[in-house]
C-alpha atoms as a PDB file:
ATOM      1  CA  MET A   1      -7.016  56.979 -42.498  1.00  0.00           C
ATOM      2  CA  LEU A   2      -5.781  55.764 -39.025  1.00  0.00           C
ATOM      3  CA  ARG A   3      -2.040  55.354 -38.906  1.00  0.00           C
ATOM      4  CA  ILE A   4      -0.460  52.954 -36.430  1.00  0.00           C
ATOM      5  CA  LYS A   5       2.841  54.154 -35.324  1.00  0.00           C
ATOM      6  CA  PRO A   6       5.390  51.317 -35.273  1.00  0.00           C
ATOM      7  CA  VAL A   7       7.105  50.578 -32.012  1.00  0.00           C
ATOM      8  CA  SER A   8      10.673  51.590 -32.036  1.00  0.00           C
ATOM      9  CA  LYS A   9      13.522  49.205 -31.403  1.00  0.00           C
ATOM     10  CA  THR A  10      14.389  51.095 -28.233  1.00  0.00           C
ATOM     11  CA  ALA A  11      10.867  50.729 -26.845  1.00  0.00           C
ATOM     12  CA  ARG A  12      10.835  47.002 -27.614  1.00  0.00           C
ATOM     13  CA  GLN A  13      14.182  46.589 -25.763  1.00  0.00           C
ATOM     14  CA  ALA A  14      12.782  48.478 -22.799  1.00  0.00           C
ATOM     15  CA  THR A  15       9.551  46.377 -22.759  1.00  0.00           C
ATOM     16  CA  THR A  16      11.182  43.020 -23.030  1.00  0.00           C
ATOM     17  CA  PRO A  17      12.796  42.881 -19.478  1.00  0.00           C
ATOM     18  CA  TRP A  18       9.374  43.801 -18.016  1.00  0.00           C
ATOM     19  CA  ALA A  19       7.726  41.012 -19.964  1.00  0.00           C
ATOM     20  CA  TRP A  20      10.309  38.511 -18.712  1.00  0.00           C
ATOM     21  CA  ALA A  21       9.922  39.854 -15.207  1.00  0.00           C
ATOM     22  CA  ARG A  22       6.131  39.403 -15.373  1.00  0.00           C
ATOM     23  CA  SER A  23       6.592  35.832 -16.713  1.00  0.00           C
ATOM     24  CA  GLY A  24       9.147  35.018 -14.039  1.00  0.00           C
ATOM     25  CA  ALA A  25       6.795  36.285 -11.329  1.00  0.00           C
ATOM     26  CA  VAL A  26       3.877  34.187 -12.577  1.00  0.00           C
ATOM     27  CA  LEU A  27       6.149  31.107 -12.837  1.00  0.00           C
ATOM     28  CA  GLY A  28       7.555  31.670  -9.339  1.00  0.00           C
ATOM     29  CA  LEU A  29       3.963  32.026  -7.971  1.00  0.00           C
ATOM     30  CA  LEU A  30       2.884  28.742  -9.635  1.00  0.00           C
ATOM     31  CA  LEU A  31       5.985  26.979  -8.181  1.00  0.00           C
ATOM     32  CA  ALA A  32       5.389  28.395  -4.775  1.00  0.00           C
ATOM     33  CA  VAL A  33       1.717  27.263  -4.779  1.00  0.00           C
ATOM     34  CA  SER A  34       2.753  23.858  -6.121  1.00  0.00           C
ATOM     35  CA  PHE A  35       5.503  23.259  -3.508  1.00  0.00           C
ATOM     36  CA  ASN A  36       3.256  24.430  -0.684  1.00  0.00           C
ATOM     37  CA  THR A  37       0.212  22.412  -1.631  1.00  0.00           C
ATOM     38  CA  PRO A  38      -1.308  21.113   1.550  1.00  0.00           C
ATOM     39  CA  ALA A  39      -0.916  17.402   2.249  1.00  0.00           C
ATOM     40  CA  LEU A  40      -4.698  16.897   2.308  1.00  0.00           C
ATOM     41  CA  TRP A  41      -4.888  17.726  -1.426  1.00  0.00           C
ATOM     42  CA  PHE A  42      -2.895  14.539  -1.988  1.00  0.00           C
ATOM     43  CA  THR A  43      -4.068  12.170   0.790  1.00  0.00           C
ATOM     44  CA  GLU A  44      -7.861  12.585   0.367  1.00  0.00           C
ATOM     45  CA  PRO A  45      -7.949  11.590  -3.397  1.00  0.00           C
ATOM     46  CA  LEU A  46      -5.528   8.744  -2.624  1.00  0.00           C
ATOM     47  CA  GLN A  47      -7.842   7.452   0.139  1.00  0.00           C
ATOM     48  CA  GLN A  48     -10.739   7.500  -2.247  1.00  0.00           C
ATOM     49  CA  SER A  49      -8.795   5.602  -4.937  1.00  0.00           C
ATOM     50  CA  LEU A  50      -7.985   2.967  -2.370  1.00  0.00           C
ATOM     51  CA  GLY A  51     -11.686   2.455  -1.514  1.00  0.00           C
ATOM     52  CA  GLY A  52     -11.315   3.984   1.955  1.00  0.00           C
ATOM     53  CA  ARG A  53      -9.340   0.926   3.234  1.00  0.00           C
ATOM     54  CA  VAL A  54      -6.218   3.014   3.788  1.00  0.00           C
ATOM     55  CA  VAL A  55      -6.740   6.217   5.654  1.00  0.00           C
ATOM     56  CA  PHE A  56      -4.181   9.135   6.141  1.00  0.00           C
ATOM     57  CA  ALA A  57      -5.394  10.760   9.295  1.00  0.00           C
ATOM     58  CA  ASP A  58      -4.101  14.072  10.745  1.00  0.00           C
ATOM     59  CA  ALA A  59      -2.141  14.810   7.547  1.00  0.00           C
ATOM     60  CA  ARG A  60       0.493  17.541   7.946  1.00  0.00           C
ATOM     61  CA  GLY A  61       2.929  19.322   5.690  1.00  0.00           C
ATOM     62  CA  THR A  62       2.697  19.436   1.951  1.00  0.00           C
ATOM     63  CA  VAL A  63       2.284  17.118  -0.930  1.00  0.00           C
ATOM     64  CA  TRP A  64       6.087  17.052  -1.304  1.00  0.00           C
ATOM     65  CA  ASN A  65       7.118  16.723   2.311  1.00  0.00           C
ATOM     66  CA  GLY A  66       4.586  15.619   4.965  1.00  0.00           C
ATOM     67  CA  SER A  67       3.377  13.024   7.426  1.00  0.00           C
ATOM     68  CA  ALA A  68       0.139  11.440   8.598  1.00  0.00           C
ATOM     69  CA  ARG A  69      -1.196   8.722  10.940  1.00  0.00           C
ATOM     70  CA  LEU A  70      -1.708   5.542   8.846  1.00  0.00           C
ATOM     71  CA  LEU A  71      -4.868   3.584   9.402  1.00  0.00           C
ATOM     72  CA  LEU A  72      -6.372   0.433   7.911  1.00  0.00           C
ATOM     73  CA  ALA A  73     -10.226   0.604   7.609  1.00  0.00           C
ATOM     74  CA  GLY A  74     -13.076  -1.520   6.448  1.00  0.00           C
ATOM     75  CA  GLY A  75     -13.989   0.756   3.515  1.00  0.00           C
ATOM     76  CA  ALA A  76     -16.607   3.422   2.962  1.00  0.00           C
ATOM     77  CA  GLY A  77     -19.216   3.406   5.728  1.00  0.00           C
ATOM     78  CA  SER A  78     -17.254   1.007   7.919  1.00  0.00           C
ATOM     79  CA  ARG A  79     -16.671   1.697  11.622  1.00  0.00           C
ATOM     80  CA  ASP A  80     -13.622  -0.538  11.758  1.00  0.00           C
ATOM     81  CA  ALA A  81     -10.259   1.185  11.804  1.00  0.00           C
ATOM     82  CA  ALA A  82      -6.870   0.487  13.297  1.00  0.00           C
ATOM     83  CA  ALA A  83      -3.954   2.876  13.432  1.00  0.00           C
ATOM     84  CA  LEU A  84      -0.209   2.220  13.364  1.00  0.00           C
ATOM     85  CA  PRO A  85       1.783   3.691  16.285  1.00  0.00           C
ATOM     86  CA  GLY A  86       3.738   6.707  15.222  1.00  0.00           C
ATOM     87  CA  ARG A  87       3.466   8.456  11.861  1.00  0.00           C
ATOM     88  CA  LEU A  88       4.135   7.804   8.151  1.00  0.00           C
ATOM     89  CA  LEU A  89       6.497  10.335   6.724  1.00  0.00           C
ATOM     90  CA  TRP A  90       6.892  10.954   2.975  1.00  0.00           C
ATOM     91  CA  SER A  91       9.161  12.888   0.626  1.00  0.00           C
ATOM     92  CA  VAL A  92       8.198  13.319  -3.046  1.00  0.00           C
ATOM     93  CA  ARG A  93      10.469  14.676  -5.764  1.00  0.00           C
ATOM     94  CA  PRO A  94      10.039  15.000  -9.551  1.00  0.00           C
ATOM     95  CA  SER A  95      12.354  12.729 -11.584  1.00  0.00           C
ATOM     96  CA  SER A  96      13.177  12.256 -15.210  1.00  0.00           C
ATOM     97  CA  GLN A  97      10.705   9.323 -15.390  1.00  0.00           C
ATOM     98  CA  GLY A  98       7.964  10.536 -13.137  1.00  0.00           C
ATOM     99  CA  LEU A  99       8.162  10.812  -9.304  1.00  0.00           C
ATOM    100  CA  SER A 100      10.625   9.579  -6.678  1.00  0.00           C
ATOM    101  CA  VAL A 101       9.014   8.834  -3.444  1.00  0.00           C
ATOM    102  CA  ASP A 102      10.466   7.989   0.029  1.00  0.00           C
ATOM    103  CA  LEU A 103       8.114   6.452   2.660  1.00  0.00           C
ATOM    104  CA  LEU A 104       9.105   5.902   6.352  1.00  0.00           C
ATOM    105  CA  ALA A 105       6.788   4.427   8.970  1.00  0.00           C
ATOM    106  CA  ASP A 106       8.732   5.289  12.074  1.00  0.00           C
ATOM    107  CA  CYS A 107       7.255   2.388  14.025  1.00  0.00           C
ATOM    108  CA  CYS A 108       8.030  -0.363  11.561  1.00  0.00           C
ATOM    109  CA  MET A 109      10.953   0.516   9.234  1.00  0.00           C
ATOM    110  CA  GLN A 110      14.605   1.013   9.912  1.00  0.00           C
ATOM    111  CA  GLN A 111      15.135   2.411   6.442  1.00  0.00           C
ATOM    112  CA  ALA A 112      12.651   4.222   4.223  1.00  0.00           C
ATOM    113  CA  TRP A 113      11.100   2.564   1.210  1.00  0.00           C
ATOM    114  CA  HIS A 114      12.219   4.215  -2.089  1.00  0.00           C
ATOM    115  CA  LEU A 115       9.652   4.111  -4.908  1.00  0.00           C
ATOM    116  CA  SER A 116       9.843   5.220  -8.411  1.00  0.00           C
ATOM    117  CA  VAL A 117       6.356   6.019  -9.824  1.00  0.00           C
ATOM    118  CA  GLN A 118       6.333   6.206 -13.630  1.00  0.00           C
ATOM    119  CA  PRO A 119       3.120   7.134 -15.430  1.00  0.00           C
ATOM    120  CA  ARG A 120       2.147   4.937 -18.403  1.00  0.00           C
ATOM    121  CA  TRP A 121      -0.442   5.288 -21.116  1.00  0.00           C
ATOM    122  CA  GLY A 122      -3.586   3.863 -19.441  1.00  0.00           C
ATOM    123  CA  GLY A 123      -1.812   2.886 -16.273  1.00  0.00           C
ATOM    124  CA  ALA A 124       1.407   3.325 -14.200  1.00  0.00           C
ATOM    125  CA  LYS A 125       4.561   1.525 -13.170  1.00  0.00           C
ATOM    126  CA  LEU A 126       5.846   1.336  -9.645  1.00  0.00           C
ATOM    127  CA  VAL A 127       9.361   0.199  -8.746  1.00  0.00           C
ATOM    128  CA  LEU A 128      10.225  -0.521  -5.057  1.00  0.00           C
ATOM    129  CA  SER A 129      13.701  -0.767  -3.671  1.00  0.00           C
ATOM    130  CA  ASP A 130      14.565  -3.935  -1.871  1.00  0.00           C
ATOM    131  CA  SER A 131      13.250  -3.584   1.682  1.00  0.00           C
ATOM    132  CA  LEU A 132      12.704  -5.170   5.083  1.00  0.00           C
ATOM    133  CA  SER A 133       9.986  -4.008   7.471  1.00  0.00           C
ATOM    134  CA  GLN A 134       8.041  -5.281  10.510  1.00  0.00           C
ATOM    135  CA  TRP A 135       4.373  -4.616  11.231  1.00  0.00           C
ATOM    136  CA  PRO A 136       2.020  -5.569  14.091  1.00  0.00           C
ATOM    137  CA  ALA A 137      -0.519  -8.236  13.091  1.00  0.00           C
ATOM    138  CA  GLN A 138      -3.155  -6.379  15.240  1.00  0.00           C
ATOM    139  CA  TRP A 139      -3.187  -3.663  12.513  1.00  0.00           C
ATOM    140  CA  LEU A 140      -5.162  -5.936  10.241  1.00  0.00           C
ATOM    141  CA  THR A 141      -8.250  -5.793  12.521  1.00  0.00           C
ATOM    142  CA  GLY A 142      -9.015  -2.421  10.946  1.00  0.00           C
ATOM    143  CA  LEU A 143      -9.871  -4.092   7.658  1.00  0.00           C
ATOM    144  CA  GLY A 144     -13.144  -5.377   9.035  1.00  0.00           C
ATOM    145  CA  THR A 145     -14.539  -8.833   8.409  1.00  0.00           C
ATOM    146  CA  PRO A 146     -13.039 -11.393   8.987  1.00  0.00           C
ATOM    147  CA  TRP A 147      -9.992  -9.701  10.532  1.00  0.00           C
ATOM    148  CA  ASN A 148     -12.004  -7.866  13.205  1.00  0.00           C
ATOM    149  CA  THR A 149     -13.422 -11.227  14.302  1.00  0.00           C
ATOM    150  CA  VAL A 150     -10.183 -13.161  14.160  1.00  0.00           C
ATOM    151  CA  GLN A 151      -8.255 -10.340  16.016  1.00  0.00           C
ATOM    152  CA  ALA A 152      -4.825 -11.696  15.071  1.00  0.00           C
ATOM    153  CA  GLU A 153      -1.805 -10.943  17.240  1.00  0.00           C
ATOM    154  CA  GLY A 154       1.798 -11.509  16.358  1.00  0.00           C
ATOM    155  CA  GLN A 155       4.524 -10.014  14.184  1.00  0.00           C
ATOM    156  CA  LEU A 156       4.564  -9.560  10.360  1.00  0.00           C
ATOM    157  CA  THR A 157       7.886  -9.220   8.576  1.00  0.00           C
ATOM    158  CA  LEU A 158       7.749  -8.080   4.877  1.00  0.00           C
ATOM    159  CA  ALA A 159      10.782  -8.484   2.585  1.00  0.00           C
ATOM    160  CA  THR A 160      10.854  -7.449  -1.111  1.00  0.00           C
ATOM    161  CA  GLN A 161      13.334  -8.132  -3.807  1.00  0.00           C
ATOM    162  CA  GLY A 162      13.305  -6.490  -7.280  1.00  0.00           C
ATOM    163  CA  LEU A 163       9.553  -5.727  -6.913  1.00  0.00           C
ATOM    164  CA  VAL A 164       7.985  -3.970  -9.899  1.00  0.00           C
ATOM    165  CA  VAL A 165       4.251  -3.579 -10.163  1.00  0.00           C
ATOM    166  CA  GLU A 166       2.600  -2.204 -13.368  1.00  0.00           C
ATOM    167  CA  TRP A 167      -1.054  -1.496 -14.188  1.00  0.00           C
ATOM    168  CA  ALA A 168      -1.738  -1.614 -17.925  1.00  0.00           C
ATOM    169  CA  ALA A 169      -5.148  -1.837 -19.649  1.00  0.00           C
ATOM    170  CA  GLY A 170      -6.789  -3.147 -16.529  1.00  0.00           C
ATOM    171  CA  ARG A 171      -4.145  -5.877 -15.961  1.00  0.00           C
ATOM    172  CA  LEU A 172      -1.695  -6.311 -13.156  1.00  0.00           C
ATOM    173  CA  LEU A 173       1.837  -7.054 -14.204  1.00  0.00           C
ATOM    174  CA  LEU A 174       4.292  -8.116 -11.562  1.00  0.00           C
ATOM    175  CA  ALA A 175       7.979  -8.791 -11.403  1.00  0.00           C
ATOM    176  CA  GLY A 176      10.254  -9.677  -8.493  1.00  0.00           C
ATOM    177  CA  ARG A 177       9.433 -11.290  -5.113  1.00  0.00           C
ATOM    178  CA  ALA A 178       7.668 -10.328  -1.870  1.00  0.00           C
ATOM    179  CA  GLN A 179       7.638 -12.563   1.288  1.00  0.00           C
ATOM    180  CA  LEU A 180       5.493 -11.983   4.288  1.00  0.00           C
ATOM    181  CA  ASP A 181       6.336 -13.985   7.417  1.00  0.00           C
ATOM    182  CA  ALA A 182       3.695 -14.055  10.131  1.00  0.00           C
ATOM    183  CA  ALA A 183       5.403 -15.172  13.379  1.00  0.00           C
ATOM    184  CA  LYS A 184       3.739 -16.585  16.484  1.00  0.00           C
ATOM    185  CA  ILE A 185       0.209 -15.756  15.460  1.00  0.00           C
ATOM    186  CA  SER A 186      -2.573 -16.038  17.977  1.00  0.00           C
ATOM    187  CA  SER A 187      -6.380 -15.111  17.921  1.00  0.00           C
ATOM    188  CA  ARG A 188      -9.070 -14.335  20.373  1.00  0.00           C
ATOM    189  CA  LEU A 189     -11.046 -17.196  18.846  1.00  0.00           C
ATOM    190  CA  SER A 190      -8.660 -19.760  20.295  1.00  0.00           C
ATOM    191  CA  THR A 191      -7.150 -20.412  23.709  1.00  0.00           C
ATOM    192  CA  LEU A 192      -4.069 -21.755  21.931  1.00  0.00           C
ATOM    193  CA  LYS A 193      -1.412 -19.111  21.996  1.00  0.00           C
ATOM    194  CA  PRO A 194       0.487 -19.051  19.697  1.00  0.00           C
ATOM    195  CA  MET A 195      -1.222 -21.130  16.979  1.00  0.00           C
ATOM    196  CA  GLY A 196       1.709 -21.100  14.580  1.00  0.00           C
ATOM    197  CA  SER A 197       3.971 -19.237  12.148  1.00  0.00           C
ATOM    198  CA  TYR A 198       3.270 -18.787   8.465  1.00  0.00           C
ATOM    199  CA  ARG A 199       4.720 -17.557   5.243  1.00  0.00           C
ATOM    200  CA  ILE A 200       3.134 -15.949   2.178  1.00  0.00           C
ATOM    201  CA  THR A 201       5.300 -15.728  -0.958  1.00  0.00           C
ATOM    202  CA  VAL A 202       4.363 -13.686  -3.987  1.00  0.00           C
ATOM    203  CA  LEU A 203       6.361 -14.203  -7.228  1.00  0.00           C
ATOM    204  CA  GLY A 204       6.136 -12.149 -10.333  1.00  0.00           C
ATOM    205  CA  GLY A 205       6.186 -13.383 -13.895  1.00  0.00           C
ATOM    206  CA  ALA A 206       3.910 -13.933 -16.881  1.00  0.00           C
ATOM    207  CA  THR A 207       1.283 -15.130 -14.340  1.00  0.00           C
ATOM    208  CA  PRO A 208       2.053 -13.754 -10.864  1.00  0.00           C
ATOM    209  CA  SER A 209       1.539 -16.361  -8.167  1.00  0.00           C
ATOM    210  CA  LEU A 210       0.958 -16.584  -4.441  1.00  0.00           C
ATOM    211  CA  ALA A 211       1.787 -19.473  -2.000  1.00  0.00           C
ATOM    212  CA  LEU A 212       0.825 -19.935   1.596  1.00  0.00           C
ATOM    213  CA  GLU A 213       2.682 -22.371   3.905  1.00  0.00           C
ATOM    214  CA  THR A 214       3.002 -23.248   7.555  1.00  0.00           C
ATOM    215  CA  LEU A 215       6.438 -22.827   9.143  1.00  0.00           C
ATOM    216  CA  GLU A 216       5.412 -24.313  12.459  1.00  0.00           C
ATOM    217  CA  GLY A 217       2.393 -24.753  14.768  1.00  0.00           C
ATOM    218  CA  SER A 218      -0.792 -26.651  15.502  1.00  0.00           C
ATOM    219  CA  LEU A 219      -2.937 -24.635  12.982  1.00  0.00           C
ATOM    220  CA  GLN A 220      -1.837 -25.865   9.546  1.00  0.00           C
ATOM    221  CA  LEU A 221      -2.418 -23.439   6.620  1.00  0.00           C
ATOM    222  CA  SER A 222      -1.472 -24.041   2.989  1.00  0.00           C
ATOM    223  CA  GLY A 223      -2.650 -22.938  -0.454  1.00  0.00           C
ATOM    224  CA  SER A 224      -1.756 -21.344  -3.714  1.00  0.00           C
ATOM    225  CA  GLY A 225      -3.207 -18.871  -6.203  1.00  0.00           C
ATOM    226  CA  GLN A 226      -2.496 -16.587  -9.168  1.00  0.00           C
ATOM    227  CA  TRP A 227      -3.588 -13.281 -10.500  1.00  0.00           C
ATOM    228  CA  VAL A 228      -5.958 -13.358 -13.483  1.00  0.00           C
ATOM    229  CA  GLY A 229      -6.015  -9.885 -14.879  1.00  0.00           C
ATOM    230  CA  SER A 230      -6.104  -7.773 -11.664  1.00  0.00           C
ATOM    231  CA  ARG A 231      -8.021 -10.329  -9.632  1.00  0.00           C
ATOM    232  CA  LEU A 232      -6.481 -12.944  -7.265  1.00  0.00           C
ATOM    233  CA  ARG A 233      -7.821 -16.476  -7.375  1.00  0.00           C
ATOM    234  CA  PHE A 234      -6.675 -18.485  -4.349  1.00  0.00           C
ATOM    235  CA  GLN A 235      -7.576 -21.844  -2.870  1.00  0.00           C
ATOM    236  CA  GLY A 236      -6.154 -23.344   0.300  1.00  0.00           C
ATOM    237  CA  THR A 237      -7.009 -25.367   3.410  1.00  0.00           C
ATOM    238  CA  ALA A 238      -6.775 -24.917   7.190  1.00  0.00           C
ATOM    239  CA  SER A 239      -6.597 -27.791   9.576  1.00  0.00           C
ATOM    240  CA  ALA A 240      -5.561 -28.525  13.124  1.00  0.00           C
ATOM    241  CA  ALA A 241      -3.350 -31.067  14.781  1.00  0.00           C
ATOM    242  CA  PRO A 242      -5.633 -33.896  16.074  1.00  0.00           C
ATOM    243  CA  ASP A 243      -5.010 -32.989  19.726  1.00  0.00           C
ATOM    244  CA  ARG A 244      -5.712 -29.302  19.068  1.00  0.00           C
ATOM    245  CA  LEU A 245      -8.851 -29.611  16.994  1.00  0.00           C
ATOM    246  CA  GLU A 246     -11.194 -28.562  19.888  1.00  0.00           C
ATOM    247  CA  ALA A 247      -9.113 -25.492  20.736  1.00  0.00           C
ATOM    248  CA  LEU A 248      -9.061 -24.349  17.060  1.00  0.00           C
ATOM    249  CA  SER A 249     -12.592 -25.377  15.958  1.00  0.00           C
ATOM    250  CA  ASN A 250     -14.043 -21.814  16.314  1.00  0.00           C
ATOM    251  CA  LEU A 251     -11.295 -20.402  14.172  1.00  0.00           C
ATOM    252  CA  LEU A 252     -11.751 -23.061  11.564  1.00  0.00           C
ATOM    253  CA  ASN A 253     -15.425 -22.182  11.281  1.00  0.00           C
ATOM    254  CA  ILE A 254     -14.577 -18.523  10.559  1.00  0.00           C
ATOM    255  CA  ILE A 255     -11.656 -18.538   8.150  1.00  0.00           C
ATOM    256  CA  GLY A 256     -13.223 -20.940   5.541  1.00  0.00           C
ATOM    257  CA  ARG A 257     -16.014 -23.352   4.600  1.00  0.00           C
ATOM    258  CA  ARG A 258     -15.921 -26.146   7.091  1.00  0.00           C
ATOM    259  CA  ASP A 259     -15.380 -29.623   5.589  1.00  0.00           C
ATOM    260  CA  GLY A 260     -15.067 -32.113   8.526  1.00  0.00           C
ATOM    261  CA  PRO A 261     -11.805 -31.443  10.440  1.00  0.00           C
ATOM    262  CA  ARG A 262     -10.643 -28.896   7.987  1.00  0.00           C
ATOM    263  CA  SER A 263     -11.730 -25.666   6.382  1.00  0.00           C
ATOM    264  CA  ILE A 264     -11.630 -24.705   2.604  1.00  0.00           C
ATOM    265  CA  ILE A 265     -10.341 -21.192   1.922  1.00  0.00           C
ATOM    266  CA  LYS A 266     -11.257 -19.708  -1.424  1.00  0.00           C
ATOM    267  CA  VAL A 267     -10.737 -16.222  -2.835  1.00  0.00           C
ATOM    268  CA  GLY A 268     -11.914 -15.116  -6.315  1.00  0.00           C
END
């Protein structure tokens, strides 16, 4: 009969430190690989999830600390793309609830956006710190039709307060407020420069809403909408001051369905 000799207590004590050492080495290797994961491993899947409309070009660094050139694009197969000047820098850290993310576009932000990303069953929750940033309207041309035709110029100022976005079971849940001011906007479709200044306000709640209003100018824009599930339904109008109708006629033909001296804008 084969006898198995029991391992002595002394042998077990000698083996244990080596086992812990091997485990520590494996854990250290996994952490080293994780914290040195190239930025491309993060940016490429993110681009695909955004339908190719946001592109992270020339990504450098790691998933945890890196930078890239930020482009808006017309989607898969589109030749339209427009890049922000400078680079987008990010820093990602694990937190008790998920991930803590800092984003800084050096062209357009004086302070970084701080985001808390919290995974949820069947979705995720994103909490954005109050922020103020400024963006060139020309950047929107990268999105393709109709922006590449309109070729807007001017300054966009985005302010957020208590903004919380949550995706759950295919629904968009929104709390807080976001306000986008478009100042002194002009277009290659009109000789009138500028055409006006405008404000878009997004309010969270049981049914998140969006409102468009004109602050000043000869091109008058107005409208309202709300999110149903994850889709926006919006209806508005565009019109011109009577003495500016000829100068703005081409633009009115593009941005909506023409109805006499005005255009009907409808989304969703």
